[in-house]
């Protein structure tokens, strides 16, 4: 977590994260209860990994791919998307899952998936960095602290339950 270092977490941020352990566990159970099946997840789905051609869309850079909750793919998009366009895309995406849950349950799952998707990215980048050649680890050094700081932005939501 690079505690106390320029790209790292402060001591107070680490303490705040410890307070989120139980609320995060509860959120995981609630998200699992939404009834959506796990699916193939890109892991780094954002505009720089999508190419639109005359023949359709090409989605590449699947190095972070895994099987997980289908709403986690939206997390990187939230970081750079225009709010108006994002809202329309999310609604279209939720419509595709309507066979699995009612609209209110899909919206609740989406709210839970936001902080949990961030946690998923933090854990994913930690594992990727640990399994990368030692000489290349430096470029991923700040990924775990970055995503954990993003998670802290949802502290009040998680603690409110």
C-alpha atoms as a PDB file:
ATOM      1  CA  UNK A   1       0.000   0.000   0.000  1.00  0.00           C
ATOM      2  CA  UNK A   2       3.105   2.199  -0.008  1.00  0.00           C
ATOM      3  CA  UNK A   3       2.033   3.683   3.323  1.00  0.00           C
ATOM      4  CA  UNK A   4       3.625   7.057   3.903  1.00  0.00           C
ATOM      5  CA  UNK A   5       5.159   7.224   0.413  1.00  0.00           C
ATOM      6  CA  UNK A   6       4.191   9.762  -2.293  1.00  0.00           C
ATOM      7  CA  UNK A   7       1.975   7.349  -4.280  1.00  0.00           C
ATOM      8  CA  UNK A   8       0.837   5.495  -1.205  1.00  0.00           C
ATOM      9  CA  UNK A   9      -1.815   5.632   1.464  1.00  0.00           C
ATOM     10  CA  UNK A  10      -1.514   7.642   4.646  1.00  0.00           C
ATOM     11  CA  UNK A  11      -1.775   5.972   8.048  1.00  0.00           C
ATOM     12  CA  UNK A  12      -5.253   7.464   8.487  1.00  0.00           C
ATOM     13  CA  UNK A  13      -6.387   6.080   5.101  1.00  0.00           C
ATOM     14  CA  UNK A  14      -5.212   2.617   6.142  1.00  0.00           C
ATOM     15  CA  UNK A  15      -7.217   2.912   9.386  1.00  0.00           C
ATOM     16  CA  UNK A  16     -10.274   4.038   7.405  1.00  0.00           C
ATOM     17  CA  UNK A  17      -9.944   1.008   5.121  1.00  0.00           C
ATOM     18  CA  UNK A  18      -9.856  -1.338   8.108  1.00  0.00           C
ATOM     19  CA  UNK A  19     -13.174   0.125   9.251  1.00  0.00           C
ATOM     20  CA  UNK A  20     -14.701  -0.827   5.900  1.00  0.00           C
ATOM     21  CA  UNK A  21     -13.957  -4.570   6.183  1.00  0.00           C
ATOM     22  CA  UNK A  22     -17.338  -5.582   7.625  1.00  0.00           C
ATOM     23  CA  UNK A  23     -19.426  -3.206   5.484  1.00  0.00           C
ATOM     24  CA  UNK A  24     -17.617  -4.516   2.392  1.00  0.00           C
ATOM     25  CA  UNK A  25     -18.368  -8.115   3.382  1.00  0.00           C
ATOM     26  CA  UNK A  26     -22.030  -7.199   3.846  1.00  0.00           C
ATOM     27  CA  UNK A  27     -22.092  -5.461   0.454  1.00  0.00           C
ATOM     28  CA  UNK A  28     -20.606  -8.599  -1.158  1.00  0.00           C
ATOM     29  CA  UNK A  29     -23.392 -10.753   0.286  1.00  0.00           C
ATOM     30  CA  UNK A  30     -26.060  -8.272  -0.832  1.00  0.00           C
ATOM     31  CA  UNK A  31     -24.611  -8.078  -4.338  1.00  0.00           C
ATOM     32  CA  UNK A  32     -24.501 -11.870  -4.601  1.00  0.00           C
ATOM     33  CA  UNK A  33     -28.158 -11.994  -3.491  1.00  0.00           C
ATOM     34  CA  UNK A  34     -29.173  -9.785  -6.435  1.00  0.00           C
ATOM     35  CA  UNK A  35     -29.351 -12.958  -8.535  1.00  0.00           C
ATOM     36  CA  UNK A  36     -27.086 -11.989 -11.420  1.00  0.00           C
ATOM     37  CA  UNK A  37     -24.816 -14.715 -12.795  1.00  0.00           C
ATOM     38  CA  UNK A  38     -21.077 -14.200 -12.951  1.00  0.00           C
ATOM     39  CA  UNK A  39     -19.746 -13.571 -16.424  1.00  0.00           C
ATOM     40  CA  UNK A  40     -16.595 -12.904 -18.382  1.00  0.00           C
ATOM     41  CA  UNK A  41     -15.165  -9.562 -17.272  1.00  0.00           C
ATOM     42  CA  UNK A  42     -12.648  -7.575 -19.297  1.00  0.00           C
ATOM     43  CA  UNK A  43     -10.965  -6.127 -16.216  1.00  0.00           C
ATOM     44  CA  UNK A  44      -9.833  -2.879 -17.855  1.00  0.00           C
ATOM     45  CA  UNK A  45     -12.816  -1.845 -19.952  1.00  0.00           C
ATOM     46  CA  UNK A  46     -12.451   1.786 -20.978  1.00  0.00           C
ATOM     47  CA  UNK A  47     -12.340   3.867 -24.151  1.00  0.00           C
ATOM     48  CA  UNK A  48      -8.641   3.277 -24.805  1.00  0.00           C
ATOM     49  CA  UNK A  49      -9.278  -0.468 -25.062  1.00  0.00           C
ATOM     50  CA  UNK A  50     -12.117  -0.173 -27.575  1.00  0.00           C
ATOM     51  CA  UNK A  51     -11.670   0.464 -31.272  1.00  0.00           C
ATOM     52  CA  UNK A  52     -14.597   1.207 -33.587  1.00  0.00           C
ATOM     53  CA  UNK A  53     -14.030   0.076 -37.161  1.00  0.00           C
ATOM     54  CA  UNK A  54     -16.137  -0.144 -40.304  1.00  0.00           C
ATOM     55  CA  UNK A  55     -16.710  -3.801 -39.391  1.00  0.00           C
ATOM     56  CA  UNK A  56     -17.760  -3.279 -35.782  1.00  0.00           C
ATOM     57  CA  UNK A  57     -16.205  -2.834 -32.375  1.00  0.00           C
ATOM     58  CA  UNK A  58     -12.927  -4.414 -31.299  1.00  0.00           C
ATOM     59  CA  UNK A  59     -12.282  -4.754 -27.576  1.00  0.00           C
ATOM     60  CA  UNK A  60      -8.689  -5.568 -26.765  1.00  0.00           C
ATOM     61  CA  UNK A  61      -6.176  -5.784 -23.897  1.00  0.00           C
ATOM     62  CA  UNK A  62      -7.749  -8.700 -22.080  1.00  0.00           C
ATOM     63  CA  UNK A  63      -4.770  -9.176 -19.749  1.00  0.00           C
ATOM     64  CA  UNK A  64      -6.968  -8.418 -16.718  1.00  0.00           C
ATOM     65  CA  UNK A  65      -9.810 -10.693 -17.806  1.00  0.00           C
ATOM     66  CA  UNK A  66     -11.589 -12.904 -15.288  1.00  0.00           C
ATOM     67  CA  UNK A  67     -14.997 -14.267 -14.364  1.00  0.00           C
ATOM     68  CA  UNK A  68     -16.862 -12.102 -11.848  1.00  0.00           C
ATOM     69  CA  UNK A  69     -19.948  -9.955 -11.316  1.00  0.00           C
ATOM     70  CA  UNK A  70     -21.201  -8.492 -14.622  1.00  0.00           C
ATOM     71  CA  UNK A  71     -21.435  -4.940 -13.246  1.00  0.00           C
ATOM     72  CA  UNK A  72     -17.741  -4.708 -12.348  1.00  0.00           C
ATOM     73  CA  UNK A  73     -16.911  -3.980 -15.990  1.00  0.00           C
ATOM     74  CA  UNK A  74     -18.548  -0.569 -15.581  1.00  0.00           C
ATOM     75  CA  UNK A  75     -16.065   0.587 -12.920  1.00  0.00           C
ATOM     76  CA  UNK A  76     -13.243   1.816 -15.211  1.00  0.00           C
ATOM     77  CA  UNK A  77     -15.815   3.528 -17.437  1.00  0.00           C
ATOM     78  CA  UNK A  78     -16.974   5.665 -14.509  1.00  0.00           C
ATOM     79  CA  UNK A  79     -13.512   7.169 -14.312  1.00  0.00           C
ATOM     80  CA  UNK A  80     -13.634   8.873 -17.704  1.00  0.00           C
ATOM     81  CA  UNK A  81     -17.168   8.832 -19.079  1.00  0.00           C
ATOM     82  CA  UNK A  82     -19.271  11.881 -19.851  1.00  0.00           C
ATOM     83  CA  UNK A  83     -22.121  11.711 -17.278  1.00  0.00           C
ATOM     84  CA  UNK A  84     -24.918  12.033 -19.849  1.00  0.00           C
ATOM     85  CA  UNK A  85     -23.513   9.398 -22.170  1.00  0.00           C
ATOM     86  CA  UNK A  86     -22.637   7.173 -19.237  1.00  0.00           C
ATOM     87  CA  UNK A  87     -26.203   7.298 -17.887  1.00  0.00           C
ATOM     88  CA  UNK A  88     -27.610   6.167 -21.250  1.00  0.00           C
ATOM     89  CA  UNK A  89     -25.019   3.399 -21.566  1.00  0.00           C
ATOM     90  CA  UNK A  90     -25.693   2.147 -18.052  1.00  0.00           C
ATOM     91  CA  UNK A  91     -29.434   2.069 -18.657  1.00  0.00           C
ATOM     92  CA  UNK A  92     -28.919   0.114 -21.882  1.00  0.00           C
ATOM     93  CA  UNK A  93     -26.606  -2.259 -20.010  1.00  0.00           C
ATOM     94  CA  UNK A  94     -29.105  -2.744 -17.168  1.00  0.00           C
ATOM     95  CA  UNK A  95     -31.842  -3.479 -19.710  1.00  0.00           C
ATOM     96  CA  UNK A  96     -29.792  -6.454 -20.922  1.00  0.00           C
ATOM     97  CA  UNK A  97     -29.945  -7.962 -17.415  1.00  0.00           C
ATOM     98  CA  UNK A  98     -33.709  -7.471 -16.960  1.00  0.00           C
ATOM     99  CA  UNK A  99     -34.384 -11.194 -17.289  1.00  0.00           C
ATOM    100  CA  UNK A 100     -32.448 -11.812 -14.054  1.00  0.00           C
ATOM    101  CA  UNK A 101     -33.828  -9.159 -11.722  1.00  0.00           C
ATOM    102  CA  UNK A 102     -36.422  -6.403 -11.420  1.00  0.00           C
ATOM    103  CA  UNK A 103     -35.295  -2.847 -12.222  1.00  0.00           C
ATOM    104  CA  UNK A 104     -35.077  -1.822  -8.543  1.00  0.00           C
ATOM    105  CA  UNK A 105     -32.852  -4.826  -7.753  1.00  0.00           C
ATOM    106  CA  UNK A 106     -30.666  -4.018 -10.761  1.00  0.00           C
ATOM    107  CA  UNK A 107     -30.291  -0.429  -9.542  1.00  0.00           C
ATOM    108  CA  UNK A 108     -29.417  -1.647  -6.038  1.00  0.00           C
ATOM    109  CA  UNK A 109     -26.859  -4.058  -7.497  1.00  0.00           C
ATOM    110  CA  UNK A 110     -25.380  -1.246  -9.551  1.00  0.00           C
ATOM    111  CA  UNK A 111     -24.945   0.908  -6.418  1.00  0.00           C
ATOM    112  CA  UNK A 112     -23.216  -1.966  -4.611  1.00  0.00           C
ATOM    113  CA  UNK A 113     -21.106  -2.852  -7.629  1.00  0.00           C
ATOM    114  CA  UNK A 114     -19.497   0.577  -7.737  1.00  0.00           C
ATOM    115  CA  UNK A 115     -17.430   0.332  -4.531  1.00  0.00           C
ATOM    116  CA  UNK A 116     -17.042  -3.433  -4.874  1.00  0.00           C
ATOM    117  CA  UNK A 117     -15.837  -3.013  -8.466  1.00  0.00           C
ATOM    118  CA  UNK A 118     -13.230  -0.595  -7.177  1.00  0.00           C
ATOM    119  CA  UNK A 119     -12.145  -3.138  -4.563  1.00  0.00           C
ATOM    120  CA  UNK A 120     -12.022  -5.773  -7.305  1.00  0.00           C
ATOM    121  CA  UNK A 121      -9.664  -3.549  -9.324  1.00  0.00           C
ATOM    122  CA  UNK A 122      -7.460  -2.929  -6.276  1.00  0.00           C
ATOM    123  CA  UNK A 123      -7.077  -6.658  -5.626  1.00  0.00           C
ATOM    124  CA  UNK A 124      -6.638  -7.392  -9.328  1.00  0.00           C
ATOM    125  CA  UNK A 125      -3.870  -4.837  -9.794  1.00  0.00           C
ATOM    126  CA  UNK A 126      -2.162  -6.041  -6.620  1.00  0.00           C
ATOM    127  CA  UNK A 127      -2.101  -9.575  -8.017  1.00  0.00           C
ATOM    128  CA  UNK A 128      -1.037  -8.437 -11.482  1.00  0.00           C
ATOM    129  CA  UNK A 129       1.842  -6.430 -10.020  1.00  0.00           C
ATOM    130  CA  UNK A 130       2.990  -9.349  -7.842  1.00  0.00           C
ATOM    131  CA  UNK A 131       2.979 -11.658 -10.867  1.00  0.00           C
ATOM    132  CA  UNK A 132       4.721  -9.265 -13.248  1.00  0.00           C
ATOM    133  CA  UNK A 133       8.416  -9.467 -14.039  1.00  0.00           C
ATOM    134  CA  UNK A 134      10.279  -7.614 -11.261  1.00  0.00           C
ATOM    135  CA  UNK A 135      11.775  -5.127 -13.734  1.00  0.00           C
ATOM    136  CA  UNK A 136       8.282  -4.105 -14.933  1.00  0.00           C
ATOM    137  CA  UNK A 137       6.570  -3.830 -11.533  1.00  0.00           C
ATOM    138  CA  UNK A 138       7.388  -0.147 -11.126  1.00  0.00           C
ATOM    139  CA  UNK A 139       4.821   1.006 -13.661  1.00  0.00           C
ATOM    140  CA  UNK A 140       2.061  -0.670 -11.616  1.00  0.00           C
ATOM    141  CA  UNK A 141       3.391   0.509  -8.254  1.00  0.00           C
ATOM    142  CA  UNK A 142       0.678   3.052  -7.520  1.00  0.00           C
ATOM    143  CA  UNK A 143      -2.310   1.048  -8.779  1.00  0.00           C
ATOM    144  CA  UNK A 144      -3.313  -0.559  -5.479  1.00  0.00           C
ATOM    145  CA  UNK A 145      -3.148   2.683  -3.450  1.00  0.00           C
ATOM    146  CA  UNK A 146      -4.939   4.569  -6.241  1.00  0.00           C
ATOM    147  CA  UNK A 147      -7.923   2.209  -6.246  1.00  0.00           C
ATOM    148  CA  UNK A 148      -8.039   2.012  -2.450  1.00  0.00           C
ATOM    149  CA  UNK A 149      -8.200   5.810  -2.303  1.00  0.00           C
ATOM    150  CA  UNK A 150     -11.078   5.653  -4.795  1.00  0.00           C
ATOM    151  CA  UNK A 151     -12.803   3.127  -2.513  1.00  0.00           C
ATOM    152  CA  UNK A 152     -12.553   5.527   0.417  1.00  0.00           C
ATOM    153  CA  UNK A 153     -14.773   7.947  -1.493  1.00  0.00           C
ATOM    154  CA  UNK A 154     -17.607   5.454  -0.825  1.00  0.00           C
ATOM    155  CA  UNK A 155     -16.911   5.214   2.909  1.00  0.00           C
ATOM    156  CA  UNK A 156     -20.087   7.014   4.007  1.00  0.00           C
ATOM    157  CA  UNK A 157     -22.241   4.966   1.610  1.00  0.00           C
ATOM    158  CA  UNK A 158     -20.762   1.695   2.890  1.00  0.00           C
ATOM    159  CA  UNK A 159     -20.992   2.637   6.557  1.00  0.00           C
ATOM    160  CA  UNK A 160     -24.618   3.765   6.110  1.00  0.00           C
ATOM    161  CA  UNK A 161     -25.448   0.304   4.840  1.00  0.00           C
END
